[in-house]
Amino acid sequence: MVGKVRFKCVQCGNCCRDKNFIITITHKDTIRLANHLKCDLKELLSKYIGFYQVRKELENRLVFPAISTYRGNAFLGLRKKSDGSCLFLRDDNLCEIYAARPLVCRSFPFTFEVKEGWLSWGLMAKAEEICPGLGQGEIVSEKSLEKMGKEIIRELEEYRKIVSIWNHHAKVEQLDPVLLLTTFFEEPKLPPQST
């Protein structure tokens, strides 16, 4: 955990332009995007999101779990423009999907994890290097960091469970990762109620 931090987004777009960043997304991010863009899974996959292969040696350093695919382990993420910037970054440095932006974007420049039962936070690896908003504005309150951190940890834990179940089944049979995405959009099946 780092000390008190001042942060105010100055809308520079640096975090959205970094060619090395992959904006990884969760199951809930996928649903939020589809609803915001008013598209179905097929359109979402063909235009806005994709699977990114990951090198085995990098998997343990990443927050999001890798998804087992028939091509190797991958992450689900937002597509990028040809210049490496986020597909949704506009020319004025604003985000086209701000209201539905992914978990990673909502938490930037902060990271959260639970250590020995305690919520801890820090700054993303390249944040100090690329983010002129650090040191600007008011001190980010511990209360707001705690609230954001709890929401993020809860969503990440749900996603980890889903991916863990998927990866278990993918070891047994070769599964198309698109099937995983279809489960995000299915209505939950409730058992019939007894009268």
Protein backbone atom coordinates (compact mmCIF):
# COMPACT_ATOMS: atom_id res chain seq x y z
CA MET A 1 0.00 0.00 0.00
CA VAL A 2 1.24 3.44 -0.88
CA GLY A 3 0.68 6.57 1.18
CA LYS A 4 -1.87 9.28 0.49
CA VAL A 5 -2.25 9.98 -3.21
CA ARG A 6 -3.57 12.95 -5.10
CA PHE A 7 -5.24 12.01 -8.36
CA LYS A 8 -7.41 13.74 -10.89
CA CYS A 9 -7.87 12.49 -14.43
CA VAL A 10 -6.57 15.23 -16.74
CA GLN A 11 -7.94 13.48 -19.84
CA CYS A 12 -4.54 13.14 -21.49
CA GLY A 13 -5.42 9.74 -22.95
CA ASN A 14 -1.99 8.26 -22.14
CA CYS A 15 -3.47 5.22 -20.40
CA CYS A 16 -5.66 4.58 -23.45
CA ARG A 17 -2.79 4.96 -25.93
CA ASP A 18 -0.15 2.67 -24.44
CA LYS A 19 0.54 0.00 -27.06
CA ASN A 20 1.58 -2.47 -24.36
CA PHE A 21 -1.63 -2.21 -22.32
CA ILE A 22 -4.35 -4.74 -22.96
CA ILE A 23 -7.61 -3.65 -21.41
CA THR A 24 -8.63 -7.00 -19.99
CA ILE A 25 -12.31 -7.45 -19.27
CA THR A 26 -14.48 -9.50 -16.93
CA HIS A 27 -17.81 -11.22 -17.45
CA LYS A 28 -19.61 -8.15 -16.11
CA ASP A 29 -17.57 -5.83 -18.35
CA THR A 30 -18.75 -7.88 -21.32
CA ILE A 31 -22.38 -7.50 -20.33
CA ARG A 32 -22.00 -3.78 -19.59
CA LEU A 33 -20.39 -3.24 -23.00
CA ALA A 34 -23.06 -5.18 -24.89
CA ASN A 35 -25.84 -3.27 -23.13
CA HIS A 36 -24.16 0.10 -23.64
CA LEU A 37 -23.36 -0.56 -27.31
CA LYS A 38 -26.78 -2.19 -27.85
CA CYS A 39 -25.25 -5.20 -29.56
CA ASP A 40 -25.34 -8.96 -29.24
CA LEU A 41 -22.43 -11.27 -28.49
CA LYS A 42 -21.67 -11.90 -32.17
CA GLU A 43 -21.30 -8.18 -32.91
CA LEU A 44 -19.39 -7.60 -29.67
CA LEU A 45 -16.84 -10.27 -30.65
CA SER A 46 -16.55 -9.22 -34.27
CA LYS A 47 -16.09 -5.50 -33.60
CA TYR A 48 -15.14 -4.66 -30.03
CA ILE A 49 -13.51 -7.44 -28.00
CA GLY A 50 -11.12 -10.29 -28.68
CA PHE A 51 -8.92 -12.98 -27.19
CA TYR A 52 -5.26 -12.12 -26.63
CA GLN A 53 -2.76 -14.96 -26.33
CA VAL A 54 -0.47 -14.68 -23.33
CA ARG A 55 3.03 -15.98 -22.78
CA LYS A 56 3.15 -18.55 -19.99
CA GLU A 57 5.87 -16.69 -18.05
CA LEU A 58 3.65 -13.59 -17.77
CA GLU A 59 0.50 -15.30 -16.49
CA ASN A 60 1.45 -15.23 -12.81
CA ARG A 61 2.12 -11.48 -12.89
CA LEU A 62 -1.34 -10.59 -14.17
CA VAL A 63 -4.42 -9.84 -12.10
CA PHE A 64 -6.92 -11.46 -14.45
CA PRO A 65 -6.96 -15.24 -14.85
CA ALA A 66 -6.03 -16.72 -18.21
CA ILE A 67 -8.75 -18.56 -20.14
CA SER A 68 -7.84 -21.98 -21.56
CA THR A 69 -8.42 -22.04 -25.31
CA TYR A 70 -7.52 -24.54 -28.02
CA ARG A 71 -4.72 -22.13 -29.05
CA GLY A 72 -3.31 -21.78 -25.54
CA ASN A 73 -4.10 -19.48 -22.66
CA ALA A 74 -5.65 -16.12 -23.48
CA PHE A 75 -7.20 -13.03 -21.97
CA LEU A 76 -10.40 -11.38 -23.04
CA GLY A 77 -9.84 -7.71 -23.85
CA LEU A 78 -10.92 -4.65 -25.78
CA ARG A 79 -9.73 -4.45 -29.36
CA LYS A 80 -7.25 -1.75 -30.33
CA LYS A 81 -6.89 0.64 -33.22
CA SER A 82 -4.03 0.12 -35.68
CA ASP A 83 -1.91 2.67 -33.77
CA GLY A 84 -2.24 0.59 -30.56
CA SER A 85 -4.68 2.91 -28.80
CA CYS A 86 -7.98 1.79 -27.34
CA LEU A 87 -10.74 1.32 -29.88
CA PHE A 88 -13.00 3.60 -27.83
CA LEU A 89 -10.60 6.55 -27.39
CA ARG A 90 -11.97 9.56 -29.24
CA ASP A 91 -9.87 12.32 -30.85
CA ASP A 92 -10.69 14.63 -27.91
CA ASN A 93 -9.18 12.05 -25.49
CA LEU A 94 -12.59 11.15 -24.08
CA CYS A 95 -13.96 7.63 -23.87
CA GLU A 96 -16.86 6.60 -26.11
CA ILE A 97 -17.97 4.02 -23.53
CA TYR A 98 -17.17 5.93 -20.34
CA ALA A 99 -20.41 4.92 -18.60
CA ALA A 100 -19.67 1.26 -19.34
CA ARG A 101 -15.87 1.33 -19.23
CA PRO A 102 -14.17 -1.86 -18.04
CA LEU A 103 -13.06 -2.60 -14.50
CA VAL A 104 -9.40 -1.88 -15.34
CA CYS A 105 -10.30 1.57 -16.66
CA ARG A 106 -12.58 2.39 -13.72
CA SER A 107 -9.80 1.62 -11.26
CA PHE A 108 -6.90 3.31 -13.07
CA PRO A 109 -4.32 4.22 -11.73
CA PHE A 110 -5.01 2.00 -8.72
CA THR A 111 -4.69 -1.74 -8.16
CA PHE A 112 -6.34 -3.70 -5.39
CA GLU A 113 -5.77 -7.06 -3.75
CA VAL A 114 -6.54 -8.86 -0.54
CA LYS A 115 -3.45 -9.74 1.53
CA GLU A 116 -3.84 -11.77 4.71
CA GLY A 117 -7.53 -10.84 4.84
CA TRP A 118 -6.96 -7.10 4.39
CA LEU A 119 -7.78 -5.01 1.35
CA SER A 120 -4.65 -3.30 0.08
CA TRP A 121 -4.10 -0.96 -2.79
CA GLY A 122 -1.26 0.40 -4.84
CA LEU A 123 -0.54 2.07 -8.15
CA MET A 124 -0.45 0.25 -11.48
CA ALA A 125 3.04 -0.50 -12.68
CA LYS A 126 3.30 2.21 -15.35
CA ALA A 127 0.95 4.75 -13.75
CA GLU A 128 3.68 7.02 -12.38
CA GLU A 129 5.42 6.94 -15.75
CA ILE A 130 2.43 7.76 -17.97
CA CYS A 131 -0.16 9.52 -15.80
CA PRO A 132 0.20 13.29 -15.31
CA GLY A 133 -2.98 13.19 -13.18
CA LEU A 134 -1.06 11.63 -10.29
CA GLY A 135 -0.21 14.40 -7.84
CA GLN A 136 -3.09 16.53 -9.19
CA GLY A 137 -6.41 17.33 -7.52
CA GLU A 138 -7.46 16.30 -4.05
CA ILE A 139 -6.15 13.44 -1.96
CA VAL A 140 -8.11 10.31 -2.79
CA SER A 141 -9.91 9.35 0.40
CA GLU A 142 -9.33 5.97 1.99
CA LYS A 143 -13.10 5.54 2.09
CA SER A 144 -13.44 5.92 -1.69
CA LEU A 145 -10.46 3.62 -2.28
CA GLU A 146 -12.00 1.03 0.04
CA LYS A 147 -15.37 1.23 -1.70
CA MET A 148 -13.80 0.95 -5.16
CA GLY A 149 -11.47 -1.83 -4.01
CA LYS A 150 -14.27 -3.94 -2.53
CA GLU A 151 -16.33 -3.66 -5.73
CA ILE A 152 -13.35 -4.57 -7.88
CA ILE A 153 -12.25 -7.49 -5.71
CA ARG A 154 -15.81 -8.87 -5.65
CA GLU A 155 -16.10 -8.74 -9.45
CA LEU A 156 -12.63 -10.22 -9.95
CA GLU A 157 -13.39 -13.08 -7.55
CA GLU A 158 -16.59 -13.90 -9.45
CA TYR A 159 -14.67 -13.83 -12.71
CA ARG A 160 -11.88 -16.02 -11.32
CA LYS A 161 -14.46 -18.63 -10.26
CA ILE A 162 -16.10 -18.64 -13.68
CA VAL A 163 -12.75 -18.96 -15.46
CA SER A 164 -11.60 -21.67 -13.04
CA ILE A 165 -14.69 -23.77 -13.80
CA TRP A 166 -14.21 -23.17 -17.52
CA ASN A 167 -10.52 -24.10 -17.39
CA HIS A 168 -11.33 -27.31 -15.49
CA HIS A 169 -13.74 -28.38 -18.25
CA ALA A 170 -11.37 -27.23 -20.98
CA LYS A 171 -8.73 -29.69 -19.69
CA VAL A 172 -11.13 -32.56 -20.33
CA GLU A 173 -12.37 -31.53 -23.75
CA GLN A 174 -11.41 -28.95 -26.34
CA LEU A 175 -13.88 -26.09 -25.96
CA ASP A 176 -14.40 -23.01 -28.07
CA PRO A 177 -13.87 -19.98 -25.77
CA VAL A 178 -16.84 -18.25 -27.40
CA LEU A 179 -18.98 -20.72 -25.46
CA LEU A 180 -17.68 -19.16 -22.26
CA LEU A 181 -18.91 -15.77 -23.40
CA THR A 182 -22.35 -17.11 -24.20
CA THR A 183 -22.72 -18.11 -20.54
CA PHE A 184 -22.28 -14.46 -19.54
CA PHE A 185 -25.44 -13.60 -21.47
CA GLU A 186 -27.66 -16.47 -20.40
CA GLU A 187 -30.48 -15.80 -18.00
CA PRO A 188 -29.86 -17.57 -14.70
CA LYS A 189 -31.98 -20.71 -14.38
CA LEU A 190 -33.99 -20.64 -11.18
CA PRO A 191 -35.42 -23.84 -9.76
CA PRO A 192 -39.22 -24.08 -9.90
CA GLN A 193 -40.86 -22.75 -6.78
CA SER A 194 -42.98 -25.11 -4.76
CA THR A 195 -46.49 -23.97 -4.00
